[in-house]
């Protein structure tokens, strides 16, 4: 079964205000089996628009990735993030087919 992923691109304009959001995420992600694949790090915006932070979180499957996002815990946590940042988030099913 293909894994599920969150792909997030974020610009934070208030680092101190953003910290409570980050502090609450680990327990939420752990509950849904999420793990960071990308969390910041060096990057080059080769095409299109980029944001200052890039995050990829892997979940056991697509349905679990959606369930985490829709959970009461995460919906409450979004309220901590929104006043302090601008984010683009895509929830996507991984590819589990043949490779080149």
C-alpha atoms as a PDB file:
ATOM      1  CA  UNK A   1       0.000   0.000   0.000  1.00  0.00           C
ATOM      2  CA  UNK A   2       1.432   3.423  -0.902  1.00  0.00           C
ATOM      3  CA  UNK A   3       2.371   5.745   1.912  1.00  0.00           C
ATOM      4  CA  UNK A   4       0.762   9.142   2.382  1.00  0.00           C
ATOM      5  CA  UNK A   5       2.652  12.421   2.567  1.00  0.00           C
ATOM      6  CA  UNK A   6       2.209  15.992   3.642  1.00  0.00           C
ATOM      7  CA  UNK A   7       4.262  18.373   1.525  1.00  0.00           C
ATOM      8  CA  UNK A   8       4.390  21.803   3.138  1.00  0.00           C
ATOM      9  CA  UNK A   9       6.016  25.046   2.114  1.00  0.00           C
ATOM     10  CA  UNK A  10       5.995  27.738   4.797  1.00  0.00           C
ATOM     11  CA  UNK A  11       7.051  31.348   5.322  1.00  0.00           C
ATOM     12  CA  UNK A  12       7.181  32.286   9.009  1.00  0.00           C
ATOM     13  CA  UNK A  13       6.969  35.992   9.831  1.00  0.00           C
ATOM     14  CA  UNK A  14       6.954  35.634  13.660  1.00  0.00           C
ATOM     15  CA  UNK A  15       9.375  32.968  14.919  1.00  0.00           C
ATOM     16  CA  UNK A  16       8.364  33.293  18.585  1.00  0.00           C
ATOM     17  CA  UNK A  17       4.670  33.079  17.786  1.00  0.00           C
ATOM     18  CA  UNK A  18       5.288  29.996  15.611  1.00  0.00           C
ATOM     19  CA  UNK A  19       7.045  28.020  18.364  1.00  0.00           C
ATOM     20  CA  UNK A  20       3.870  26.779  20.145  1.00  0.00           C
ATOM     21  CA  UNK A  21       2.670  25.260  16.849  1.00  0.00           C
ATOM     22  CA  UNK A  22       5.943  23.389  16.418  1.00  0.00           C
ATOM     23  CA  UNK A  23       5.890  22.248  20.062  1.00  0.00           C
ATOM     24  CA  UNK A  24       2.460  20.614  19.683  1.00  0.00           C
ATOM     25  CA  UNK A  25       3.154  18.814  16.392  1.00  0.00           C
ATOM     26  CA  UNK A  26       5.296  15.857  17.592  1.00  0.00           C
ATOM     27  CA  UNK A  27       2.542  14.299  19.726  1.00  0.00           C
ATOM     28  CA  UNK A  28      -0.013  14.725  16.941  1.00  0.00           C
ATOM     29  CA  UNK A  29       2.232  13.228  14.262  1.00  0.00           C
ATOM     30  CA  UNK A  30       3.268  10.356  16.537  1.00  0.00           C
ATOM     31  CA  UNK A  31      -0.392   9.468  17.158  1.00  0.00           C
ATOM     32  CA  UNK A  32      -0.877   9.022  13.389  1.00  0.00           C
ATOM     33  CA  UNK A  33       2.470   7.331  12.680  1.00  0.00           C
ATOM     34  CA  UNK A  34       3.907  10.385  10.938  1.00  0.00           C
ATOM     35  CA  UNK A  35       7.642  10.919  10.548  1.00  0.00           C
ATOM     36  CA  UNK A  36       9.664  13.758   9.100  1.00  0.00           C
ATOM     37  CA  UNK A  37      11.367  12.978   5.796  1.00  0.00           C
ATOM     38  CA  UNK A  38      12.312  16.618   5.134  1.00  0.00           C
ATOM     39  CA  UNK A  39      12.330  19.291   7.825  1.00  0.00           C
ATOM     40  CA  UNK A  40      14.031  22.431   6.646  1.00  0.00           C
ATOM     41  CA  UNK A  41      17.514  21.950   5.316  1.00  0.00           C
ATOM     42  CA  UNK A  42      19.281  23.445   2.365  1.00  0.00           C
ATOM     43  CA  UNK A  43      17.325  23.831  -0.848  1.00  0.00           C
ATOM     44  CA  UNK A  44      17.408  25.539  -4.200  1.00  0.00           C
ATOM     45  CA  UNK A  45      14.208  26.837  -5.725  1.00  0.00           C
ATOM     46  CA  UNK A  46      14.929  25.567  -9.230  1.00  0.00           C
ATOM     47  CA  UNK A  47      11.540  26.524 -10.719  1.00  0.00           C
ATOM     48  CA  UNK A  48       8.450  28.424  -9.657  1.00  0.00           C
ATOM     49  CA  UNK A  49       7.885  30.161  -6.344  1.00  0.00           C
ATOM     50  CA  UNK A  50       9.428  28.832  -3.176  1.00  0.00           C
ATOM     51  CA  UNK A  51       8.987  29.521   0.518  1.00  0.00           C
ATOM     52  CA  UNK A  52      11.637  29.675   3.207  1.00  0.00           C
ATOM     53  CA  UNK A  53      10.756  26.320   4.847  1.00  0.00           C
ATOM     54  CA  UNK A  54      10.009  22.973   3.252  1.00  0.00           C
ATOM     55  CA  UNK A  55       8.645  19.972   5.134  1.00  0.00           C
ATOM     56  CA  UNK A  56       7.701  16.460   4.025  1.00  0.00           C
ATOM     57  CA  UNK A  57       5.987  14.165   6.532  1.00  0.00           C
ATOM     58  CA  UNK A  58       5.410  10.501   5.736  1.00  0.00           C
ATOM     59  CA  UNK A  59       2.404   8.568   7.056  1.00  0.00           C
ATOM     60  CA  UNK A  60       1.595   4.849   6.824  1.00  0.00           C
ATOM     61  CA  UNK A  61      -0.938   5.547   4.043  1.00  0.00           C
ATOM     62  CA  UNK A  62      -2.947   8.302   2.372  1.00  0.00           C
ATOM     63  CA  UNK A  63      -6.017   7.822   4.573  1.00  0.00           C
ATOM     64  CA  UNK A  64      -3.917   8.248   7.725  1.00  0.00           C
ATOM     65  CA  UNK A  65      -2.308  11.393   6.321  1.00  0.00           C
ATOM     66  CA  UNK A  66      -5.789  12.832   5.727  1.00  0.00           C
ATOM     67  CA  UNK A  67      -7.011  11.697   9.149  1.00  0.00           C
ATOM     68  CA  UNK A  68      -4.115  13.454  10.860  1.00  0.00           C
ATOM     69  CA  UNK A  69      -4.834  16.713   9.057  1.00  0.00           C
ATOM     70  CA  UNK A  70      -8.557  16.482   9.787  1.00  0.00           C
ATOM     71  CA  UNK A  71      -8.076  15.484  13.435  1.00  0.00           C
ATOM     72  CA  UNK A  72      -9.367  17.772  16.171  1.00  0.00           C
ATOM     73  CA  UNK A  73      -5.834  18.017  17.580  1.00  0.00           C
ATOM     74  CA  UNK A  74      -4.278  19.250  14.364  1.00  0.00           C
ATOM     75  CA  UNK A  75      -7.176  21.566  13.506  1.00  0.00           C
ATOM     76  CA  UNK A  76      -6.701  23.182  16.919  1.00  0.00           C
ATOM     77  CA  UNK A  77      -2.955  23.438  16.325  1.00  0.00           C
ATOM     78  CA  UNK A  78      -3.459  25.197  12.982  1.00  0.00           C
ATOM     79  CA  UNK A  79      -4.882  28.115  14.958  1.00  0.00           C
ATOM     80  CA  UNK A  80      -1.457  28.496  16.625  1.00  0.00           C
ATOM     81  CA  UNK A  81       0.300  28.620  13.231  1.00  0.00           C
ATOM     82  CA  UNK A  82      -1.914  30.782  11.070  1.00  0.00           C
ATOM     83  CA  UNK A  83      -1.341  34.198  12.692  1.00  0.00           C
ATOM     84  CA  UNK A  84       2.432  33.752  12.397  1.00  0.00           C
ATOM     85  CA  UNK A  85       2.971  32.201   8.978  1.00  0.00           C
ATOM     86  CA  UNK A  86       1.746  31.563   5.462  1.00  0.00           C
ATOM     87  CA  UNK A  87       1.706  27.927   4.333  1.00  0.00           C
ATOM     88  CA  UNK A  88       0.928  25.784   1.320  1.00  0.00           C
ATOM     89  CA  UNK A  89       0.133  22.169   2.208  1.00  0.00           C
ATOM     90  CA  UNK A  90      -0.568  19.259  -0.112  1.00  0.00           C
ATOM     91  CA  UNK A  91      -1.607  15.808   1.118  1.00  0.00           C
ATOM     92  CA  UNK A  92      -0.667  13.239  -1.479  1.00  0.00           C
ATOM     93  CA  UNK A  93      -0.576   9.490  -1.988  1.00  0.00           C
ATOM     94  CA  UNK A  94       2.886   8.078  -2.616  1.00  0.00           C
ATOM     95  CA  UNK A  95       3.833   6.095  -5.677  1.00  0.00           C
ATOM     96  CA  UNK A  96       4.137   2.343  -5.237  1.00  0.00           C
ATOM     97  CA  UNK A  97       4.533   1.226  -8.860  1.00  0.00           C
ATOM     98  CA  UNK A  98       7.419   0.180 -11.088  1.00  0.00           C
ATOM     99  CA  UNK A  99      10.545   2.307 -11.137  1.00  0.00           C
ATOM    100  CA  UNK A 100      12.765   3.112 -14.098  1.00  0.00           C
END
